[in-house]
Amino acid sequence: MCRWLVYSGSPVPLEAFLYQPEHSLIDQSLNAKLGTHTTNGDGFGVGWYGQEDEPALYKGINPAWNDQNLRELSRHIRSGMIFAHIRASTGTPVQHTNCHPFRHGRWLWMHNGQIERFSEVKRELVLAVEPGLYPHIKGSSDTEIFFFLALTFGLEQDPPAAVARAVGFIEQVCARHGIAHPVRMSVAASDGRGAWAFRYSSEGIPPSLYYSTKVSTLREQLPDISIFRTLSDESRLIVSEPLGELAGAWNEVPPSTFAAIVSGESDLHPFAPLPA
């Protein structure tokens, strides 16, 4: 599986979360603790929002720990909305167009998990993508098809409902093919204004997902850690696994739940598939 993080809040350099924490995303690319793979070396990607409407992307097919350009850029690029992902492929090729995050217009999307026996249902899933969106599909991964299904089902209007309909549709298609437990996922989506993160599995325990404690609480509890003094109170992180062992800094997102960060406010809500 993969590891990822979403940051929303005061503008910070990318290196603040990619390299600086004790268990940074780069450390997780070699030493993940909570996923099924210790090493996540099948490519990486970073997306961030700046002056333009469309977010910027930097991706590579090499392991994140070995990309010197990523290290250099991360020192100088600052953003208030950051997506970062390190990949462990579940079967689709290691190529640039299969690296997360995926982008369409203002939207970014990334995923940890898989659609079970994807090759058997891929054709039916792809044919359900809205025809005007189809030409924008570049790669061959289940994650990208999942993204374009969510766009088809209204991601730009109502992200939680669109993701629920996309999951419902995938489960319906897989059921017709005799696939009993098709979806395991932690998914993140953003339009640069808000961010949404979903944790769900058709059966069993879904991939791990955590959100950060309020910065104001951390600032009071840990006055010696300088980064907390520079972040606004509404700053939040959502991560596949904690960036360190700091007691009280991280809270688990329960299964069948999504986290929403909108207008500086963060909340947890129940999540369940909907009929497409």
C-alpha atoms as a PDB file:
ATOM      1  CA  MET A   1       0.000   0.000   0.000  1.00  0.00           C
ATOM      2  CA  CYS A   2       0.943   3.695  -0.066  1.00  0.00           C
ATOM      3  CA  ARG A   3       1.454   6.517   2.423  1.00  0.00           C
ATOM      4  CA  TRP A   4       0.173  10.080   2.047  1.00  0.00           C
ATOM      5  CA  LEU A   5      -0.470  13.366   3.818  1.00  0.00           C
ATOM      6  CA  VAL A   6      -2.680  16.426   3.424  1.00  0.00           C
ATOM      7  CA  TYR A   7      -1.823  19.752   5.042  1.00  0.00           C
ATOM      8  CA  SER A   8      -4.194  22.731   5.226  1.00  0.00           C
ATOM      9  CA  GLY A   9      -3.335  25.944   7.058  1.00  0.00           C
ATOM     10  CA  SER A  10      -0.683  28.641   7.234  1.00  0.00           C
ATOM     11  CA  PRO A  11       1.737  28.542   4.275  1.00  0.00           C
ATOM     12  CA  VAL A  12       4.767  26.374   5.110  1.00  0.00           C
ATOM     13  CA  PRO A  13       7.680  24.948   3.103  1.00  0.00           C
ATOM     14  CA  LEU A  14       7.038  21.461   1.755  1.00  0.00           C
ATOM     15  CA  GLU A  15      10.067  20.193   3.680  1.00  0.00           C
ATOM     16  CA  ALA A  16       8.229  20.887   6.966  1.00  0.00           C
ATOM     17  CA  PHE A  17       6.347  17.611   6.489  1.00  0.00           C
ATOM     18  CA  LEU A  18       8.324  15.777   3.800  1.00  0.00           C
ATOM     19  CA  TYR A  19      11.705  15.831   5.577  1.00  0.00           C
ATOM     20  CA  GLN A  20      11.757  17.522   8.972  1.00  0.00           C
ATOM     21  CA  PRO A  21       9.517  15.392  11.269  1.00  0.00           C
ATOM     22  CA  GLU A  22      10.899  12.377  13.121  1.00  0.00           C
ATOM     23  CA  HIS A  23       8.758  10.042  10.992  1.00  0.00           C
ATOM     24  CA  SER A  24       8.447  12.259   7.912  1.00  0.00           C
ATOM     25  CA  LEU A  25       6.917  11.083   4.663  1.00  0.00           C
ATOM     26  CA  ILE A  26      10.434  10.486   3.305  1.00  0.00           C
ATOM     27  CA  ASP A  27      11.209   8.330   6.338  1.00  0.00           C
ATOM     28  CA  GLN A  28       7.971   6.442   5.723  1.00  0.00           C
ATOM     29  CA  SER A  29       9.059   5.718   2.148  1.00  0.00           C
ATOM     30  CA  LEU A  30      11.736   3.481   3.704  1.00  0.00           C
ATOM     31  CA  ASN A  31      10.303   2.626   7.127  1.00  0.00           C
ATOM     32  CA  ALA A  32       6.494   2.657   7.094  1.00  0.00           C
ATOM     33  CA  LYS A  33       5.072   1.193  10.297  1.00  0.00           C
ATOM     34  CA  LEU A  34       1.331   0.794   9.717  1.00  0.00           C
ATOM     35  CA  GLY A  35       0.947  -0.277   6.089  1.00  0.00           C
ATOM     36  CA  THR A  36       1.307  -3.704   4.509  1.00  0.00           C
ATOM     37  CA  HIS A  37       4.578  -2.542   2.882  1.00  0.00           C
ATOM     38  CA  THR A  38       7.527  -1.215   4.867  1.00  0.00           C
ATOM     39  CA  THR A  39       9.032   0.296   1.716  1.00  0.00           C
ATOM     40  CA  ASN A  40       7.071   2.635  -0.563  1.00  0.00           C
ATOM     41  CA  GLY A  41       9.464   3.144  -3.452  1.00  0.00           C
ATOM     42  CA  ASP A  42       7.295   2.898  -6.591  1.00  0.00           C
ATOM     43  CA  GLY A  43       7.254   6.614  -7.297  1.00  0.00           C
ATOM     44  CA  PHE A  44       5.993   9.703  -5.499  1.00  0.00           C
ATOM     45  CA  GLY A  45       4.172  12.944  -6.051  1.00  0.00           C
ATOM     46  CA  VAL A  46       3.573  16.327  -4.446  1.00  0.00           C
ATOM     47  CA  GLY A  47       0.738  18.715  -5.286  1.00  0.00           C
ATOM     48  CA  TRP A  48       0.307  22.234  -3.939  1.00  0.00           C
ATOM     49  CA  TYR A  49      -1.811  25.325  -4.474  1.00  0.00           C
ATOM     50  CA  GLY A  50      -0.231  28.693  -5.192  1.00  0.00           C
ATOM     51  CA  GLN A  51      -1.180  31.798  -7.186  1.00  0.00           C
ATOM     52  CA  GLU A  52      -2.864  29.967 -10.063  1.00  0.00           C
ATOM     53  CA  ASP A  53      -6.285  28.323 -10.062  1.00  0.00           C
ATOM     54  CA  GLU A  54      -4.774  24.985 -11.059  1.00  0.00           C
ATOM     55  CA  PRO A  55      -2.543  23.285  -8.484  1.00  0.00           C
ATOM     56  CA  ALA A  56       1.078  22.472  -9.293  1.00  0.00           C
ATOM     57  CA  LEU A  57       2.413  18.913  -9.439  1.00  0.00           C
ATOM     58  CA  TYR A  58       5.859  17.385  -9.122  1.00  0.00           C
ATOM     59  CA  LYS A  59       6.087  13.608  -9.626  1.00  0.00           C
ATOM     60  CA  GLY A  60       8.762  11.006 -10.176  1.00  0.00           C
ATOM     61  CA  ILE A  61       8.986   7.262 -10.736  1.00  0.00           C
ATOM     62  CA  ASN A  62      12.106   6.912  -8.583  1.00  0.00           C
ATOM     63  CA  PRO A  63      11.896   6.376  -4.808  1.00  0.00           C
ATOM     64  CA  ALA A  64      11.178   9.632  -2.994  1.00  0.00           C
ATOM     65  CA  TRP A  65      14.210   9.183  -0.725  1.00  0.00           C
ATOM     66  CA  ASN A  66      16.500   9.280  -3.768  1.00  0.00           C
ATOM     67  CA  ASP A  67      15.162  12.379  -5.555  1.00  0.00           C
ATOM     68  CA  GLN A  68      17.511  15.321  -5.016  1.00  0.00           C
ATOM     69  CA  ASN A  69      15.255  17.706  -6.945  1.00  0.00           C
ATOM     70  CA  LEU A  70      12.430  16.993  -4.503  1.00  0.00           C
ATOM     71  CA  ARG A  71      14.719  17.793  -1.577  1.00  0.00           C
ATOM     72  CA  GLU A  72      15.826  21.043  -3.212  1.00  0.00           C
ATOM     73  CA  LEU A  73      12.353  22.199  -4.255  1.00  0.00           C
ATOM     74  CA  SER A  74      10.800  21.367  -0.895  1.00  0.00           C
ATOM     75  CA  ARG A  75      13.042  23.916   0.849  1.00  0.00           C
ATOM     76  CA  HIS A  76      11.745  26.792  -1.294  1.00  0.00           C
ATOM     77  CA  ILE A  77       8.104  26.031  -2.151  1.00  0.00           C
ATOM     78  CA  ARG A  78       5.549  27.221   0.404  1.00  0.00           C
ATOM     79  CA  SER A  79       1.840  26.531   0.355  1.00  0.00           C
ATOM     80  CA  GLY A  80      -1.217  26.489   2.582  1.00  0.00           C
ATOM     81  CA  MET A  81      -2.612  23.350   0.933  1.00  0.00           C
ATOM     82  CA  ILE A  82      -0.232  20.443   0.297  1.00  0.00           C
ATOM     83  CA  PHE A  83      -0.808  16.896  -0.963  1.00  0.00           C
ATOM     84  CA  ALA A  84       2.074  14.415  -0.833  1.00  0.00           C
ATOM     85  CA  HIS A  85       2.118  10.708  -1.694  1.00  0.00           C
ATOM     86  CA  ILE A  86       4.623   7.837  -1.779  1.00  0.00           C
ATOM     87  CA  ARG A  87       3.582   4.792  -3.775  1.00  0.00           C
ATOM     88  CA  ALA A  88       3.705   1.043  -3.326  1.00  0.00           C
ATOM     89  CA  SER A  89       2.049  -0.339  -6.448  1.00  0.00           C
ATOM     90  CA  THR A  90      -0.771  -2.864  -6.115  1.00  0.00           C
ATOM     91  CA  GLY A  91      -0.184  -4.186  -9.619  1.00  0.00           C
ATOM     92  CA  THR A  92      -0.362  -1.370 -12.156  1.00  0.00           C
ATOM     93  CA  PRO A  93       2.918  -0.244 -13.770  1.00  0.00           C
ATOM     94  CA  VAL A  94       5.426   2.100 -12.166  1.00  0.00           C
ATOM     95  CA  GLN A  95       5.133   5.031 -14.544  1.00  0.00           C
ATOM     96  CA  HIS A  96       4.735   8.794 -14.274  1.00  0.00           C
ATOM     97  CA  THR A  97       1.032   8.776 -15.197  1.00  0.00           C
ATOM     98  CA  ASN A  98       0.259   6.321 -12.384  1.00  0.00           C
ATOM     99  CA  CYS A  99       1.886   8.423  -9.641  1.00  0.00           C
ATOM    100  CA  HIS A 100      -0.378  10.302  -7.244  1.00  0.00           C
ATOM    101  CA  PRO A 101      -1.716  12.936  -6.718  1.00  0.00           C
ATOM    102  CA  PHE A 102      -3.970  13.072  -9.766  1.00  0.00           C
ATOM    103  CA  ARG A 103      -5.220  16.436 -11.016  1.00  0.00           C
ATOM    104  CA  HIS A 104      -8.223  17.682 -12.957  1.00  0.00           C
ATOM    105  CA  GLY A 105      -8.869  21.413 -13.073  1.00  0.00           C
ATOM    106  CA  ARG A 106      -8.662  22.696  -9.495  1.00  0.00           C
ATOM    107  CA  TRP A 107      -8.968  19.209  -8.024  1.00  0.00           C
ATOM    108  CA  LEU A 108      -6.313  16.957  -6.519  1.00  0.00           C
ATOM    109  CA  TRP A 109      -6.910  13.309  -5.577  1.00  0.00           C
ATOM    110  CA  MET A 110      -4.816  10.563  -4.003  1.00  0.00           C
ATOM    111  CA  HIS A 111      -5.461   7.129  -2.567  1.00  0.00           C
ATOM    112  CA  ASN A 112      -4.089   4.354  -0.400  1.00  0.00           C
ATOM    113  CA  GLY A 113      -5.751   0.996  -1.002  1.00  0.00           C
ATOM    114  CA  GLN A 114      -7.073  -0.854  -3.994  1.00  0.00           C
ATOM    115  CA  ILE A 115     -10.017  -2.038  -6.041  1.00  0.00           C
ATOM    116  CA  GLU A 116      -9.846  -5.812  -5.746  1.00  0.00           C
ATOM    117  CA  ARG A 117      -9.298  -7.673  -9.047  1.00  0.00           C
ATOM    118  CA  PHE A 118      -9.284  -4.323 -10.839  1.00  0.00           C
ATOM    119  CA  SER A 119      -8.287  -5.786 -14.204  1.00  0.00           C
ATOM    120  CA  GLU A 120     -11.531  -7.797 -14.306  1.00  0.00           C
ATOM    121  CA  VAL A 121     -13.795  -4.771 -13.816  1.00  0.00           C
ATOM    122  CA  LYS A 122     -11.684  -2.011 -15.360  1.00  0.00           C
ATOM    123  CA  ARG A 123     -13.557  -1.906 -18.675  1.00  0.00           C
ATOM    124  CA  GLU A 124     -16.970  -1.522 -17.039  1.00  0.00           C
ATOM    125  CA  LEU A 125     -15.713   1.139 -14.644  1.00  0.00           C
ATOM    126  CA  VAL A 126     -14.019   3.142 -17.397  1.00  0.00           C
ATOM    127  CA  LEU A 127     -17.151   3.078 -19.575  1.00  0.00           C
ATOM    128  CA  ALA A 128     -19.098   4.724 -16.744  1.00  0.00           C
ATOM    129  CA  VAL A 129     -16.843   7.815 -16.796  1.00  0.00           C
ATOM    130  CA  GLU A 130     -18.605  10.847 -18.285  1.00  0.00           C
ATOM    131  CA  PRO A 131     -17.545  11.070 -21.978  1.00  0.00           C
ATOM    132  CA  GLY A 132     -16.232  14.627 -21.644  1.00  0.00           C
ATOM    133  CA  LEU A 133     -13.923  13.531 -18.842  1.00  0.00           C
ATOM    134  CA  TYR A 134     -12.647  10.364 -20.492  1.00  0.00           C
ATOM    135  CA  PRO A 135      -9.928  12.048 -22.656  1.00  0.00           C
ATOM    136  CA  HIS A 136      -8.271  13.380 -19.489  1.00  0.00           C
ATOM    137  CA  ILE A 137      -7.457   9.899 -18.142  1.00  0.00           C
ATOM    138  CA  LYS A 138      -3.711   9.461 -18.673  1.00  0.00           C
ATOM    139  CA  GLY A 139      -2.665   6.358 -16.749  1.00  0.00           C
ATOM    140  CA  SER A 140      -3.808   2.815 -16.000  1.00  0.00           C
ATOM    141  CA  SER A 141      -4.296   2.768 -12.228  1.00  0.00           C
ATOM    142  CA  ASP A 142      -7.435   1.999 -10.254  1.00  0.00           C
ATOM    143  CA  THR A 143      -6.933   5.264  -8.341  1.00  0.00           C
ATOM    144  CA  GLU A 144      -7.238   7.438 -11.441  1.00  0.00           C
ATOM    145  CA  ILE A 145     -10.403   5.652 -12.592  1.00  0.00           C
ATOM    146  CA  PHE A 146     -11.816   6.045  -9.068  1.00  0.00           C
ATOM    147  CA  PHE A 147     -11.074   9.801  -9.304  1.00  0.00           C
ATOM    148  CA  PHE A 148     -12.838  10.183 -12.641  1.00  0.00           C
ATOM    149  CA  LEU A 149     -15.832   8.231 -11.392  1.00  0.00           C
ATOM    150  CA  ALA A 150     -16.051  10.645  -8.441  1.00  0.00           C
ATOM    151  CA  LEU A 151     -15.882  13.567 -10.894  1.00  0.00           C
ATOM    152  CA  THR A 152     -18.610  11.914 -12.965  1.00  0.00           C
ATOM    153  CA  PHE A 153     -20.820  11.559  -9.890  1.00  0.00           C
ATOM    154  CA  GLY A 154     -20.478  15.217  -8.846  1.00  0.00           C
ATOM    155  CA  LEU A 155     -17.191  15.735  -6.979  1.00  0.00           C
ATOM    156  CA  GLU A 156     -17.127  19.411  -7.870  1.00  0.00           C
ATOM    157  CA  GLN A 157     -20.608  19.995  -6.402  1.00  0.00           C
ATOM    158  CA  ASP A 158     -20.713  17.675  -3.345  1.00  0.00           C
ATOM    159  CA  PRO A 159     -17.455  15.816  -2.600  1.00  0.00           C
ATOM    160  CA  PRO A 160     -18.729  13.452   0.147  1.00  0.00           C
ATOM    161  CA  ALA A 161     -21.787  12.395  -1.859  1.00  0.00           C
ATOM    162  CA  ALA A 162     -19.750  11.967  -5.051  1.00  0.00           C
ATOM    163  CA  VAL A 163     -17.178   9.721  -3.359  1.00  0.00           C
ATOM    164  CA  ALA A 164     -19.991   7.724  -1.729  1.00  0.00           C
ATOM    165  CA  ARG A 165     -21.662   7.225  -5.140  1.00  0.00           C
ATOM    166  CA  ALA A 166     -18.346   6.238  -6.750  1.00  0.00           C
ATOM    167  CA  VAL A 167     -17.723   3.634  -4.036  1.00  0.00           C
ATOM    168  CA  GLY A 168     -21.307   2.401  -4.334  1.00  0.00           C
ATOM    169  CA  PHE A 169     -20.919   2.023  -8.094  1.00  0.00           C
ATOM    170  CA  ILE A 170     -17.611   0.164  -7.781  1.00  0.00           C
ATOM    171  CA  GLU A 171     -19.159  -2.225  -5.263  1.00  0.00           C
ATOM    172  CA  GLN A 172     -22.172  -2.815  -7.537  1.00  0.00           C
ATOM    173  CA  VAL A 173     -19.976  -3.594 -10.540  1.00  0.00           C
ATOM    174  CA  CYS A 174     -17.699  -5.858  -8.520  1.00  0.00           C
ATOM    175  CA  ALA A 175     -20.676  -7.728  -7.055  1.00  0.00           C
ATOM    176  CA  ARG A 176     -21.799  -8.613 -10.583  1.00  0.00           C
ATOM    177  CA  HIS A 177     -18.341 -10.104 -11.137  1.00  0.00           C
ATOM    178  CA  GLY A 178     -18.432 -12.143  -7.933  1.00  0.00           C
ATOM    179  CA  ILE A 179     -15.968  -9.898  -6.058  1.00  0.00           C
ATOM    180  CA  ALA A 180     -17.277  -9.877  -2.507  1.00  0.00           C
ATOM    181  CA  HIS A 181     -15.070  -7.244  -0.833  1.00  0.00           C
ATOM    182  CA  PRO A 182     -13.830  -4.902  -3.571  1.00  0.00           C
ATOM    183  CA  VAL A 183     -12.824  -1.635  -1.864  1.00  0.00           C
ATOM    184  CA  ARG A 184     -10.161  -0.789   0.722  1.00  0.00           C
ATOM    185  CA  MET A 185      -9.339   2.885   0.813  1.00  0.00           C
ATOM    186  CA  SER A 186      -8.124   6.013   2.420  1.00  0.00           C
ATOM    187  CA  VAL A 187      -8.768   8.773  -0.123  1.00  0.00           C
ATOM    188  CA  ALA A 188      -8.045  12.503  -0.127  1.00  0.00           C
ATOM    189  CA  ALA A 189      -9.542  15.176  -2.379  1.00  0.00           C
ATOM    190  CA  SER A 190      -9.190  18.957  -2.509  1.00  0.00           C
ATOM    191  CA  ASP A 191     -10.178  21.926  -4.652  1.00  0.00           C
ATOM    192  CA  GLY A 192      -7.672  24.196  -2.890  1.00  0.00           C
ATOM    193  CA  ARG A 193     -10.356  25.732  -0.676  1.00  0.00           C
ATOM    194  CA  GLY A 194     -11.367  22.644   1.283  1.00  0.00           C
ATOM    195  CA  ALA A 195     -10.033  19.131   1.770  1.00  0.00           C
ATOM    196  CA  TRP A 196     -11.817  15.834   2.393  1.00  0.00           C
ATOM    197  CA  ALA A 197     -10.326  12.528   3.530  1.00  0.00           C
ATOM    198  CA  PHE A 198     -12.217   9.213   3.588  1.00  0.00           C
ATOM    199  CA  ARG A 199     -11.527   5.931   5.401  1.00  0.00           C
ATOM    200  CA  TYR A 200     -13.577   2.909   4.330  1.00  0.00           C
ATOM    201  CA  SER A 201     -13.406  -0.791   3.523  1.00  0.00           C
ATOM    202  CA  SER A 202     -16.021  -3.101   2.021  1.00  0.00           C
ATOM    203  CA  GLU A 203     -14.929  -5.665   4.609  1.00  0.00           C
ATOM    204  CA  GLY A 204     -12.471  -5.703   7.493  1.00  0.00           C
ATOM    205  CA  ILE A 205     -10.243  -2.890   8.712  1.00  0.00           C
ATOM    206  CA  PRO A 206      -9.545  -0.080   6.209  1.00  0.00           C
ATOM    207  CA  PRO A 207      -6.104   1.484   5.682  1.00  0.00           C
ATOM    208  CA  SER A 208      -4.885   3.627   8.577  1.00  0.00           C
ATOM    209  CA  LEU A 209      -5.718   7.340   8.743  1.00  0.00           C
ATOM    210  CA  TYR A 210      -5.020  10.017  11.390  1.00  0.00           C
ATOM    211  CA  TYR A 211      -5.705  13.717  11.894  1.00  0.00           C
ATOM    212  CA  SER A 212      -3.726  16.194  13.975  1.00  0.00           C
ATOM    213  CA  THR A 213      -4.824  17.623  17.291  1.00  0.00           C
ATOM    214  CA  LYS A 214      -5.709  21.331  17.288  1.00  0.00           C
ATOM    215  CA  VAL A 215      -2.606  23.494  16.981  1.00  0.00           C
ATOM    216  CA  SER A 216      -3.706  25.661  19.923  1.00  0.00           C
ATOM    217  CA  THR A 217      -3.669  22.572  22.174  1.00  0.00           C
ATOM    218  CA  LEU A 218      -0.236  21.489  20.929  1.00  0.00           C
ATOM    219  CA  ARG A 219       1.090  25.018  21.383  1.00  0.00           C
ATOM    220  CA  GLU A 220       0.022  24.986  25.028  1.00  0.00           C
ATOM    221  CA  GLN A 221       1.272  21.463  25.728  1.00  0.00           C
ATOM    222  CA  LEU A 222       4.580  21.763  23.864  1.00  0.00           C
ATOM    223  CA  PRO A 223       5.767  25.385  23.934  1.00  0.00           C
ATOM    224  CA  ASP A 224       9.338  24.441  22.961  1.00  0.00           C
ATOM    225  CA  ILE A 225       8.435  23.100  19.485  1.00  0.00           C
ATOM    226  CA  SER A 226       8.826  26.125  17.211  1.00  0.00           C
ATOM    227  CA  ILE A 227       6.692  25.038  14.254  1.00  0.00           C
ATOM    228  CA  PHE A 228       3.538  25.144  16.393  1.00  0.00           C
ATOM    229  CA  ARG A 229       4.176  28.832  17.089  1.00  0.00           C
ATOM    230  CA  THR A 230       4.163  29.653  13.360  1.00  0.00           C
ATOM    231  CA  LEU A 231       0.944  27.834  12.412  1.00  0.00           C
ATOM    232  CA  SER A 232      -2.510  29.372  12.580  1.00  0.00           C
ATOM    233  CA  ASP A 233      -5.078  27.754  14.864  1.00  0.00           C
ATOM    234  CA  GLU A 234      -6.997  26.299  11.908  1.00  0.00           C
ATOM    235  CA  SER A 235      -3.961  24.437  10.499  1.00  0.00           C
ATOM    236  CA  ARG A 236      -4.541  20.692  10.199  1.00  0.00           C
ATOM    237  CA  LEU A 237      -2.781  17.552   8.962  1.00  0.00           C
ATOM    238  CA  ILE A 238      -4.372  14.304   7.808  1.00  0.00           C
ATOM    239  CA  VAL A 239      -1.895  11.450   7.358  1.00  0.00           C
ATOM    240  CA  SER A 240      -1.713   7.748   6.632  1.00  0.00           C
ATOM    241  CA  GLU A 241       0.406   7.381   9.733  1.00  0.00           C
ATOM    242  CA  PRO A 242       1.646   9.821  12.378  1.00  0.00           C
ATOM    243  CA  LEU A 243       4.737  11.895  11.618  1.00  0.00           C
ATOM    244  CA  GLY A 244       6.163  11.216  15.084  1.00  0.00           C
ATOM    245  CA  GLU A 245       5.576   9.706  18.496  1.00  0.00           C
ATOM    246  CA  LEU A 246       4.402  12.938  20.123  1.00  0.00           C
ATOM    247  CA  ALA A 247       1.812  11.950  22.725  1.00  0.00           C
ATOM    248  CA  GLY A 248      -1.615  13.457  22.113  1.00  0.00           C
ATOM    249  CA  ALA A 249      -0.698  14.926  18.718  1.00  0.00           C
ATOM    250  CA  TRP A 250      -2.624  12.441  16.575  1.00  0.00           C
ATOM    251  CA  ASN A 251      -6.152  11.048  16.525  1.00  0.00           C
ATOM    252  CA  GLU A 252      -7.319   8.038  14.514  1.00  0.00           C
ATOM    253  CA  VAL A 253     -10.051   8.586  11.938  1.00  0.00           C
ATOM    254  CA  PRO A 254     -12.569   5.803  12.661  1.00  0.00           C
ATOM    255  CA  PRO A 255     -13.528   3.330   9.914  1.00  0.00           C
ATOM    256  CA  SER A 256     -16.450   4.383   7.672  1.00  0.00           C
ATOM    257  CA  THR A 257     -15.748   8.057   8.406  1.00  0.00           C
ATOM    258  CA  PHE A 258     -14.637  11.111   6.464  1.00  0.00           C
ATOM    259  CA  ALA A 259     -12.834  14.205   7.696  1.00  0.00           C
ATOM    260  CA  ALA A 260     -13.684  17.587   6.195  1.00  0.00           C
ATOM    261  CA  ILE A 261     -11.509  20.697   6.447  1.00  0.00           C
ATOM    262  CA  VAL A 262     -13.563  23.610   5.121  1.00  0.00           C
ATOM    263  CA  SER A 263     -13.178  27.355   5.891  1.00  0.00           C
ATOM    264  CA  GLY A 264     -10.671  26.589   8.640  1.00  0.00           C
ATOM    265  CA  GLU A 265     -13.035  24.226  10.445  1.00  0.00           C
ATOM    266  CA  SER A 266     -12.507  20.467  10.677  1.00  0.00           C
ATOM    267  CA  ASP A 267     -15.129  17.836  11.425  1.00  0.00           C
ATOM    268  CA  LEU A 268     -15.643  14.073  11.248  1.00  0.00           C
ATOM    269  CA  HIS A 269     -18.742  12.593   9.598  1.00  0.00           C
ATOM    270  CA  PRO A 270     -20.060   9.066   8.946  1.00  0.00           C
ATOM    271  CA  PHE A 271     -19.343   7.643   5.498  1.00  0.00           C
ATOM    272  CA  ALA A 272     -21.232   4.931   3.634  1.00  0.00           C
ATOM    273  CA  PRO A 273     -21.570   4.060  -0.078  1.00  0.00           C
ATOM    274  CA  LEU A 274     -24.575   5.417  -1.962  1.00  0.00           C
ATOM    275  CA  PRO A 275     -26.342   4.017  -5.037  1.00  0.00           C
ATOM    276  CA  ALA A 276     -24.883   5.564  -8.166  1.00  0.00           C
END
